[in-house]
Amino acid sequence: MSRLETIEEGISLTEKRLKNIPDFDIYKSILKQLHYLQMILNGSEPDRSKLEKIILGHFAVREFEESDPEFSEILKKCQNIAFKLSME
């Protein structure tokens, strides 16, 4: 799976969960961060200054690792992508 496909999978999983709990602010924050990563990867966002503020891994471990391991795993992968992008 490419980096963009991983981010898109994260977006898809987040949107599904957000439909079930539309007022859960953590899902909204995750979706915003994933869309930012998606825009960087597809070239529509040149500003990489917010990469350091991506906290998907934090949410993965703190909020979802026990209750939703599938979601936690994709968020960790997306966090890793953000870290690598910040190093490029």
PDB file of N, CA and C in Angstrom:
ATOM      1  N   MET A   1       0.849  -1.176   0.000  1.00  0.00           N
ATOM      2  CA  MET A   1       0.000   0.000   0.000  1.00  0.00           C
ATOM      3  C   MET A   1       0.894   1.239   0.000  1.00  0.00           C
ATOM      4  N   SER A   2       0.623   2.178  -0.873  1.00  0.00           N
ATOM      5  CA  SER A   2       1.413   3.408  -0.950  1.00  0.00           C
ATOM      6  C   SER A   2       1.089   4.316   0.247  1.00  0.00           C
ATOM      7  N   ARG A   3       1.891   5.340   0.414  1.00  0.00           N
ATOM      8  CA  ARG A   3       1.640   6.288   1.504  1.00  0.00           C
ATOM      9  C   ARG A   3       0.273   6.942   1.350  1.00  0.00           C
ATOM     10  N   LEU A   4      -0.056   7.348   0.114  1.00  0.00           N
ATOM     11  CA  LEU A   4      -1.341   7.995  -0.120  1.00  0.00           C
ATOM     12  C   LEU A   4      -2.496   7.029   0.146  1.00  0.00           C
ATOM     13  N   GLU A   5      -2.343   5.795  -0.265  1.00  0.00           N
ATOM     14  CA  GLU A   5      -3.390   4.791  -0.017  1.00  0.00           C
ATOM     15  C   GLU A   5      -3.581   4.553   1.484  1.00  0.00           C
ATOM     16  N   THR A   6      -2.492   4.571   2.226  1.00  0.00           N
ATOM     17  CA  THR A   6      -2.584   4.399   3.674  1.00  0.00           C
ATOM     18  C   THR A   6      -3.362   5.547   4.302  1.00  0.00           C
ATOM     19  N   ILE A   7      -3.049   6.768   3.884  1.00  0.00           N
ATOM     20  CA  ILE A   7      -3.762   7.943   4.401  1.00  0.00           C
ATOM     21  C   ILE A   7      -5.238   7.866   4.015  1.00  0.00           C
ATOM     22  N   GLU A   8      -5.514   7.490   2.784  1.00  0.00           N
ATOM     23  CA  GLU A   8      -6.905   7.384   2.335  1.00  0.00           C
ATOM     24  C   GLU A   8      -7.666   6.307   3.104  1.00  0.00           C
ATOM     25  N   GLU A   9      -6.996   5.214   3.442  1.00  0.00           N
ATOM     26  CA  GLU A   9      -7.613   4.180   4.279  1.00  0.00           C
ATOM     27  C   GLU A   9      -7.933   4.746   5.662  1.00  0.00           C
ATOM     28  N   GLY A  10      -7.016   5.532   6.201  1.00  0.00           N
ATOM     29  CA  GLY A  10      -7.252   6.186   7.486  1.00  0.00           C
ATOM     30  C   GLY A  10      -8.447   7.122   7.426  1.00  0.00           C
ATOM     31  N   ILE A  11      -8.559   7.869   6.332  1.00  0.00           N
ATOM     32  CA  ILE A  11      -9.694   8.778   6.153  1.00  0.00           C
ATOM     33  C   ILE A  11     -10.992   7.982   6.092  1.00  0.00           C
ATOM     34  N   SER A  12     -10.991   6.915   5.330  1.00  0.00           N
ATOM     35  CA  SER A  12     -12.192   6.086   5.189  1.00  0.00           C
ATOM     36  C   SER A  12     -12.634   5.508   6.536  1.00  0.00           C
ATOM     37  N   LEU A  13     -11.696   4.958   7.291  1.00  0.00           N
ATOM     38  CA  LEU A  13     -12.029   4.387   8.598  1.00  0.00           C
ATOM     39  C   LEU A  13     -12.529   5.458   9.566  1.00  0.00           C
ATOM     40  N   THR A  14     -11.916   6.628   9.520  1.00  0.00           N
ATOM     41  CA  THR A  14     -12.332   7.718  10.402  1.00  0.00           C
ATOM     42  C   THR A  14     -13.731   8.199  10.042  1.00  0.00           C
ATOM     43  N   GLU A  15     -14.006   8.357   8.752  1.00  0.00           N
ATOM     44  CA  GLU A  15     -15.330   8.816   8.329  1.00  0.00           C
ATOM     45  C   GLU A  15     -16.422   7.840   8.752  1.00  0.00           C
ATOM     46  N   LYS A  16     -16.144   6.542   8.668  1.00  0.00           N
ATOM     47  CA  LYS A  16     -17.117   5.540   9.112  1.00  0.00           C
ATOM     48  C   LYS A  16     -17.405   5.683  10.599  1.00  0.00           C
ATOM     49  N   ARG A  17     -16.373   5.873  11.376  1.00  0.00           N
ATOM     50  CA  ARG A  17     -16.556   6.005  12.816  1.00  0.00           C
ATOM     51  C   ARG A  17     -17.230   7.326  13.174  1.00  0.00           C
ATOM     52  N   LEU A  18     -16.918   8.363  12.444  1.00  0.00           N
ATOM     53  CA  LEU A  18     -17.519   9.677  12.691  1.00  0.00           C
ATOM     54  C   LEU A  18     -19.021   9.662  12.414  1.00  0.00           C
ATOM     55  N   LYS A  19     -19.459   8.863  11.447  1.00  0.00           N
ATOM     56  CA  LYS A  19     -20.894   8.746  11.176  1.00  0.00           C
ATOM     57  C   LYS A  19     -21.638   8.178  12.377  1.00  0.00           C
ATOM     58  N   ASN A  20     -21.002   7.258  13.089  1.00  0.00           N
ATOM     59  CA  ASN A  20     -21.626   6.642  14.256  1.00  0.00           C
ATOM     60  C   ASN A  20     -21.609   7.550  15.483  1.00  0.00           C
ATOM     61  N   ILE A  21     -20.577   8.372  15.590  1.00  0.00           N
ATOM     62  CA  ILE A  21     -20.449   9.293  16.728  1.00  0.00           C
ATOM     63  C   ILE A  21     -20.051  10.671  16.185  1.00  0.00           C
ATOM     64  N   PRO A  22     -21.003  11.394  15.591  1.00  0.00           N
ATOM     65  CA  PRO A  22     -20.668  12.643  14.888  1.00  0.00           C
ATOM     66  C   PRO A  22     -20.142  13.773  15.777  1.00  0.00           C
ATOM     67  N   ASP A  23     -20.352  13.700  17.072  1.00  0.00           N
ATOM     68  CA  ASP A  23     -19.893  14.779  17.951  1.00  0.00           C
ATOM     69  C   ASP A  23     -18.565  14.482  18.641  1.00  0.00           C
ATOM     70  N   PHE A  24     -17.921  13.380  18.267  1.00  0.00           N
ATOM     71  CA  PHE A  24     -16.664  12.998  18.898  1.00  0.00           C
ATOM     72  C   PHE A  24     -15.536  13.828  18.298  1.00  0.00           C
ATOM     73  N   ASP A  25     -15.058  14.796  19.070  1.00  0.00           N
ATOM     74  CA  ASP A  25     -14.067  15.755  18.576  1.00  0.00           C
ATOM     75  C   ASP A  25     -12.750  15.109  18.163  1.00  0.00           C
ATOM     76  N   ILE A  26     -12.401  13.992  18.785  1.00  0.00           N
ATOM     77  CA  ILE A  26     -11.144  13.334  18.426  1.00  0.00           C
ATOM     78  C   ILE A  26     -11.201  12.857  16.975  1.00  0.00           C
ATOM     79  N   TYR A  27     -12.332  12.297  16.563  1.00  0.00           N
ATOM     80  CA  TYR A  27     -12.467  11.878  15.162  1.00  0.00           C
ATOM     81  C   TYR A  27     -12.345  13.077  14.222  1.00  0.00           C
ATOM     82  N   LYS A  28     -12.907  14.187  14.613  1.00  0.00           N
ATOM     83  CA  LYS A  28     -12.830  15.396  13.779  1.00  0.00           C
ATOM     84  C   LYS A  28     -11.378  15.866  13.642  1.00  0.00           C
ATOM     85  N   SER A  29     -10.643  15.830  14.741  1.00  0.00           N
ATOM     86  CA  SER A  29      -9.235  16.221  14.716  1.00  0.00           C
ATOM     87  C   SER A  29      -8.418  15.263  13.852  1.00  0.00           C
ATOM     88  N   ILE A  30      -8.681  13.972  14.007  1.00  0.00           N
ATOM     89  CA  ILE A  30      -7.973  12.968  13.209  1.00  0.00           C
ATOM     90  C   ILE A  30      -8.232  13.193  11.730  1.00  0.00           C
ATOM     91  N   LEU A  31      -9.483  13.422  11.374  1.00  0.00           N
ATOM     92  CA  LEU A  31      -9.840  13.628   9.976  1.00  0.00           C
ATOM     93  C   LEU A  31      -9.143  14.862   9.408  1.00  0.00           C
ATOM     94  N   LYS A  32      -9.096  15.933  10.183  1.00  0.00           N
ATOM     95  CA  LYS A  32      -8.412  17.150   9.739  1.00  0.00           C
ATOM     96  C   LYS A  32      -6.921  16.886   9.484  1.00  0.00           C
ATOM     97  N   GLN A  33      -6.291  16.155  10.392  1.00  0.00           N
ATOM     98  CA  GLN A  33      -4.872  15.841  10.226  1.00  0.00           C
ATOM     99  C   GLN A  33      -4.631  14.942   9.016  1.00  0.00           C
ATOM    100  N   LEU A  34      -5.504  13.958   8.828  1.00  0.00           N
ATOM    101  CA  LEU A  34      -5.360  13.046   7.684  1.00  0.00           C
ATOM    102  C   LEU A  34      -5.559  13.777   6.356  1.00  0.00           C
ATOM    103  N   HIS A  35      -6.511  14.695   6.312  1.00  0.00           N
ATOM    104  CA  HIS A  35      -6.717  15.470   5.080  1.00  0.00           C
ATOM    105  C   HIS A  35      -5.495  16.347   4.782  1.00  0.00           C
ATOM    106  N   TYR A  36      -4.891  16.889   5.814  1.00  0.00           N
ATOM    107  CA  TYR A  36      -3.668  17.679   5.643  1.00  0.00           C
ATOM    108  C   TYR A  36      -2.559  16.807   5.036  1.00  0.00           C
ATOM    109  N   LEU A  37      -2.386  15.599   5.580  1.00  0.00           N
ATOM    110  CA  LEU A  37      -1.372  14.685   5.030  1.00  0.00           C
ATOM    111  C   LEU A  37      -1.691  14.310   3.585  1.00  0.00           C
ATOM    112  N   GLN A  38      -2.954  14.080   3.309  1.00  0.00           N
ATOM    113  CA  GLN A  38      -3.383  13.741   1.951  1.00  0.00           C
ATOM    114  C   GLN A  38      -3.025  14.873   0.984  1.00  0.00           C
ATOM    115  N   MET A  39      -3.269  16.105   1.392  1.00  0.00           N
ATOM    116  CA  MET A  39      -2.966  17.249   0.522  1.00  0.00           C
ATOM    117  C   MET A  39      -1.461  17.398   0.295  1.00  0.00           C
ATOM    118  N   ILE A  40      -0.662  17.121   1.306  1.00  0.00           N
ATOM    119  CA  ILE A  40       0.794  17.171   1.124  1.00  0.00           C
ATOM    120  C   ILE A  40       1.217  16.111   0.107  1.00  0.00           C
ATOM    121  N   LEU A  41       0.685  14.907   0.268  1.00  0.00           N
ATOM    122  CA  LEU A  41       1.086  13.818  -0.616  1.00  0.00           C
ATOM    123  C   LEU A  41       0.619  14.014  -2.056  1.00  0.00           C
ATOM    124  N   ASN A  42      -0.544  14.633  -2.248  1.00  0.00           N
ATOM    125  CA  ASN A  42      -1.004  14.829  -3.622  1.00  0.00           C
ATOM    126  C   ASN A  42      -0.508  16.153  -4.209  1.00  0.00           C
ATOM    127  N   GLY A  43       0.267  16.905  -3.428  1.00  0.00           N
ATOM    128  CA  GLY A  43       0.901  18.117  -3.935  1.00  0.00           C
ATOM    129  C   GLY A  43       0.072  19.377  -3.856  1.00  0.00           C
ATOM    130  N   SER A  44      -1.113  19.318  -3.274  1.00  0.00           N
ATOM    131  CA  SER A  44      -1.959  20.513  -3.219  1.00  0.00           C
ATOM    132  C   SER A  44      -1.677  21.375  -1.983  1.00  0.00           C
ATOM    133  N   GLU A  45      -0.841  20.888  -1.071  1.00  0.00           N
ATOM    134  CA  GLU A  45      -0.465  21.653   0.128  1.00  0.00           C
ATOM    135  C   GLU A  45       1.053  21.753   0.212  1.00  0.00           C
ATOM    136  N   PRO A  46       1.590  22.924  -0.120  1.00  0.00           N
ATOM    137  CA  PRO A  46       3.049  23.078  -0.085  1.00  0.00           C
ATOM    138  C   PRO A  46       3.601  23.339   1.323  1.00  0.00           C
ATOM    139  N   ASP A  47       2.760  23.796   2.238  1.00  0.00           N
ATOM    140  CA  ASP A  47       3.195  24.155   3.592  1.00  0.00           C
ATOM    141  C   ASP A  47       3.299  22.906   4.468  1.00  0.00           C
ATOM    142  N   ARG A  48       4.520  22.557   4.818  1.00  0.00           N
ATOM    143  CA  ARG A  48       4.756  21.365   5.636  1.00  0.00           C
ATOM    144  C   ARG A  48       5.004  21.719   7.104  1.00  0.00           C
ATOM    145  N   SER A  49       4.788  22.954   7.460  1.00  0.00           N
ATOM    146  CA  SER A  49       5.126  23.408   8.812  1.00  0.00           C
ATOM    147  C   SER A  49       4.275  22.766   9.901  1.00  0.00           C
ATOM    148  N   LYS A  50       3.131  22.237   9.561  1.00  0.00           N
ATOM    149  CA  LYS A  50       2.253  21.638  10.568  1.00  0.00           C
ATOM    150  C   LYS A  50       2.539  20.150  10.787  1.00  0.00           C
ATOM    151  N   LEU A  51       3.464  19.592  10.046  1.00  0.00           N
ATOM    152  CA  LEU A  51       3.769  18.164  10.199  1.00  0.00           C
ATOM    153  C   LEU A  51       4.211  17.823  11.612  1.00  0.00           C
ATOM    154  N   GLU A  52       4.905  18.750  12.255  1.00  0.00           N
ATOM    155  CA  GLU A  52       5.378  18.519  13.618  1.00  0.00           C
ATOM    156  C   GLU A  52       4.224  18.442  14.618  1.00  0.00           C
ATOM    157  N   LYS A  53       3.058  18.953  14.230  1.00  0.00           N
ATOM    158  CA  LYS A  53       1.906  18.985  15.137  1.00  0.00           C
ATOM    159  C   LYS A  53       0.955  17.805  14.940  1.00  0.00           C
ATOM    160  N   ILE A  54       1.299  16.893  14.056  1.00  0.00           N
ATOM    161  CA  ILE A  54       0.466  15.706  13.833  1.00  0.00           C
ATOM    162  C   ILE A  54       0.575  14.812  15.071  1.00  0.00           C
ATOM    163  N   ILE A  55      -0.578  14.444  15.630  1.00  0.00           N
ATOM    164  CA  ILE A  55      -0.586  13.622  16.842  1.00  0.00           C
ATOM    165  C   ILE A  55      -1.449  12.371  16.667  1.00  0.00           C
ATOM    166  N   LEU A  56      -1.460  11.841  15.472  1.00  0.00           N
ATOM    167  CA  LEU A  56      -2.249  10.639  15.201  1.00  0.00           C
ATOM    168  C   LEU A  56      -1.772   9.451  16.026  1.00  0.00           C
ATOM    169  N   GLY A  57      -0.473   9.333  16.201  1.00  0.00           N
ATOM    170  CA  GLY A  57       0.073   8.242  16.998  1.00  0.00           C
ATOM    171  C   GLY A  57      -0.340   8.346  18.460  1.00  0.00           C
ATOM    172  N   HIS A  58      -0.401   9.561  18.955  1.00  0.00           N
ATOM    173  CA  HIS A  58      -0.857   9.797  20.321  1.00  0.00           C
ATOM    174  C   HIS A  58      -2.293   9.300  20.481  1.00  0.00           C
ATOM    175  N   PHE A  59      -3.163   9.690  19.560  1.00  0.00           N
ATOM    176  CA  PHE A  59      -4.548   9.228  19.608  1.00  0.00           C
ATOM    177  C   PHE A  59      -4.611   7.702  19.488  1.00  0.00           C
ATOM    178  N   ALA A  60      -3.788   7.150  18.611  1.00  0.00           N
ATOM    179  CA  ALA A  60      -3.795   5.697  18.385  1.00  0.00           C
ATOM    180  C   ALA A  60      -3.533   4.942  19.681  1.00  0.00           C
ATOM    181  N   VAL A  61      -2.506   5.360  20.389  1.00  0.00           N
ATOM    182  CA  VAL A  61      -2.103   4.653  21.599  1.00  0.00           C
ATOM    183  C   VAL A  61      -3.025   4.985  22.773  1.00  0.00           C
ATOM    184  N   ARG A  62      -3.319   6.236  22.927  1.00  0.00           N
ATOM    185  CA  ARG A  62      -4.071   6.665  24.115  1.00  0.00           C
ATOM    186  C   ARG A  62      -5.559   6.355  24.047  1.00  0.00           C
ATOM    187  N   GLU A  63      -6.135   6.477  22.868  1.00  0.00           N
ATOM    188  CA  GLU A  63      -7.585   6.367  22.751  1.00  0.00           C
ATOM    189  C   GLU A  63      -8.089   5.053  22.159  1.00  0.00           C
ATOM    190  N   PHE A  64      -7.304   4.434  21.259  1.00  0.00           N
ATOM    191  CA  PHE A  64      -7.866   3.343  20.471  1.00  0.00           C
ATOM    192  C   PHE A  64      -7.128   2.013  20.525  1.00  0.00           C
ATOM    193  N   GLU A  65      -5.938   1.971  21.080  1.00  0.00           N
ATOM    194  CA  GLU A  65      -5.142   0.749  21.030  1.00  0.00           C
ATOM    195  C   GLU A  65      -5.889  -0.451  21.644  1.00  0.00           C
ATOM    196  N   GLU A  66      -6.551  -0.232  22.747  1.00  0.00           N
ATOM    197  CA  GLU A  66      -7.284  -1.321  23.412  1.00  0.00           C
ATOM    198  C   GLU A  66      -8.662  -1.552  22.789  1.00  0.00           C
ATOM    199  N   SER A  67      -9.385  -0.482  22.526  1.00  0.00           N
ATOM    200  CA  SER A  67     -10.787  -0.602  22.110  1.00  0.00           C
ATOM    201  C   SER A  67     -10.986  -0.814  20.611  1.00  0.00           C
ATOM    202  N   ASP A  68     -10.025  -0.361  19.801  1.00  0.00           N
ATOM    203  CA  ASP A  68     -10.182  -0.428  18.341  1.00  0.00           C
ATOM    204  C   ASP A  68      -8.800  -0.622  17.705  1.00  0.00           C
ATOM    205  N   PRO A  69      -8.225  -1.829  17.838  1.00  0.00           N
ATOM    206  CA  PRO A  69      -6.849  -2.046  17.366  1.00  0.00           C
ATOM    207  C   PRO A  69      -6.647  -1.824  15.872  1.00  0.00           C
ATOM    208  N   GLU A  70      -7.654  -2.116  15.049  1.00  0.00           N
ATOM    209  CA  GLU A  70      -7.528  -1.889  13.599  1.00  0.00           C
ATOM    210  C   GLU A  70      -7.329  -0.400  13.317  1.00  0.00           C
ATOM    211  N   PHE A  71      -8.133   0.419  13.962  1.00  0.00           N
ATOM    212  CA  PHE A  71      -8.048   1.863  13.771  1.00  0.00           C
ATOM    213  C   PHE A  71      -6.729   2.396  14.334  1.00  0.00           C
ATOM    214  N   SER A  72      -6.346   1.892  15.489  1.00  0.00           N
ATOM    215  CA  SER A  72      -5.089   2.297  16.096  1.00  0.00           C
ATOM    216  C   SER A  72      -3.913   2.015  15.165  1.00  0.00           C
ATOM    217  N   GLU A  73      -3.909   0.862  14.540  1.00  0.00           N
ATOM    218  CA  GLU A  73      -2.810   0.472  13.657  1.00  0.00           C
ATOM    219  C   GLU A  73      -2.689   1.409  12.450  1.00  0.00           C
ATOM    220  N   ILE A  74      -3.795   1.748  11.839  1.00  0.00           N
ATOM    221  CA  ILE A  74      -3.727   2.636  10.665  1.00  0.00           C
ATOM    222  C   ILE A  74      -3.284   4.036  11.089  1.00  0.00           C
ATOM    223  N   LEU A  75      -3.720   4.482  12.270  1.00  0.00           N
ATOM    224  CA  LEU A  75      -3.276   5.793  12.741  1.00  0.00           C
ATOM    225  C   LEU A  75      -1.778   5.810  13.007  1.00  0.00           C
ATOM    226  N   LYS A  76      -1.248   4.732  13.537  1.00  0.00           N
ATOM    227  CA  LYS A  76       0.199   4.647  13.760  1.00  0.00           C
ATOM    228  C   LYS A  76       0.954   4.695  12.432  1.00  0.00           C
ATOM    229  N   LYS A  77       0.432   4.013  11.435  1.00  0.00           N
ATOM    230  CA  LYS A  77       1.063   4.048  10.110  1.00  0.00           C
ATOM    231  C   LYS A  77       1.030   5.461   9.537  1.00  0.00           C
ATOM    232  N   CYS A  78      -0.086   6.151   9.723  1.00  0.00           N
ATOM    233  CA  CYS A  78      -0.209   7.526   9.224  1.00  0.00           C
ATOM    234  C   CYS A  78       0.734   8.460   9.976  1.00  0.00           C
ATOM    235  N   GLN A  79       0.899   8.236  11.277  1.00  0.00           N
ATOM    236  CA  GLN A  79       1.847   9.041  12.057  1.00  0.00           C
ATOM    237  C   GLN A  79       3.262   8.836  11.530  1.00  0.00           C
ATOM    238  N   ASN A  80       3.602   7.615  11.202  1.00  0.00           N
ATOM    239  CA  ASN A  80       4.921   7.313  10.661  1.00  0.00           C
ATOM    240  C   ASN A  80       5.143   8.026   9.327  1.00  0.00           C
ATOM    241  N   ILE A  81       4.106   8.072   8.513  1.00  0.00           N
ATOM    242  CA  ILE A  81       4.196   8.791   7.236  1.00  0.00           C
ATOM    243  C   ILE A  81       4.446  10.273   7.499  1.00  0.00           C
ATOM    244  N   ALA A  82       3.715  10.843   8.461  1.00  0.00           N
ATOM    245  CA  ALA A  82       3.904  12.260   8.792  1.00  0.00           C
ATOM    246  C   ALA A  82       5.336  12.518   9.254  1.00  0.00           C
ATOM    247  N   PHE A  83       5.867  11.622  10.076  1.00  0.00           N
ATOM    248  CA  PHE A  83       7.246  11.778  10.558  1.00  0.00           C
ATOM    249  C   PHE A  83       8.228  11.748   9.393  1.00  0.00           C
ATOM    250  N   LYS A  84       8.056  10.785   8.505  1.00  0.00           N
ATOM    251  CA  LYS A  84       8.960  10.683   7.350  1.00  0.00           C
ATOM    252  C   LYS A  84       8.853  11.900   6.437  1.00  0.00           C
ATOM    253  N   LEU A  85       7.642  12.402   6.252  1.00  0.00           N
ATOM    254  CA  LEU A  85       7.456  13.610   5.432  1.00  0.00           C
ATOM    255  C   LEU A  85       8.174  14.801   6.050  1.00  0.00           C
ATOM    256  N   SER A  86       8.158  14.880   7.366  1.00  0.00           N
ATOM    257  CA  SER A  86       8.814  16.000   8.032  1.00  0.00           C
ATOM    258  C   SER A  86      10.335  15.943   7.898  1.00  0.00           C
ATOM    259  N   MET A  87      10.858  14.752   7.606  1.00  0.00           N
ATOM    260  CA  MET A  87      12.303  14.580   7.460  1.00  0.00           C
ATOM    261  C   MET A  87      12.772  14.785   6.011  1.00  0.00           C
ATOM    262  N   GLU A  88      11.854  14.856   5.075  1.00  0.00           N
ATOM    263  CA  GLU A  88      12.222  15.011   3.651  1.00  0.00           C
ATOM    264  C   GLU A  88      12.623  16.440   3.348  1.00  0.00           C
TER     265      GLU A  88
END
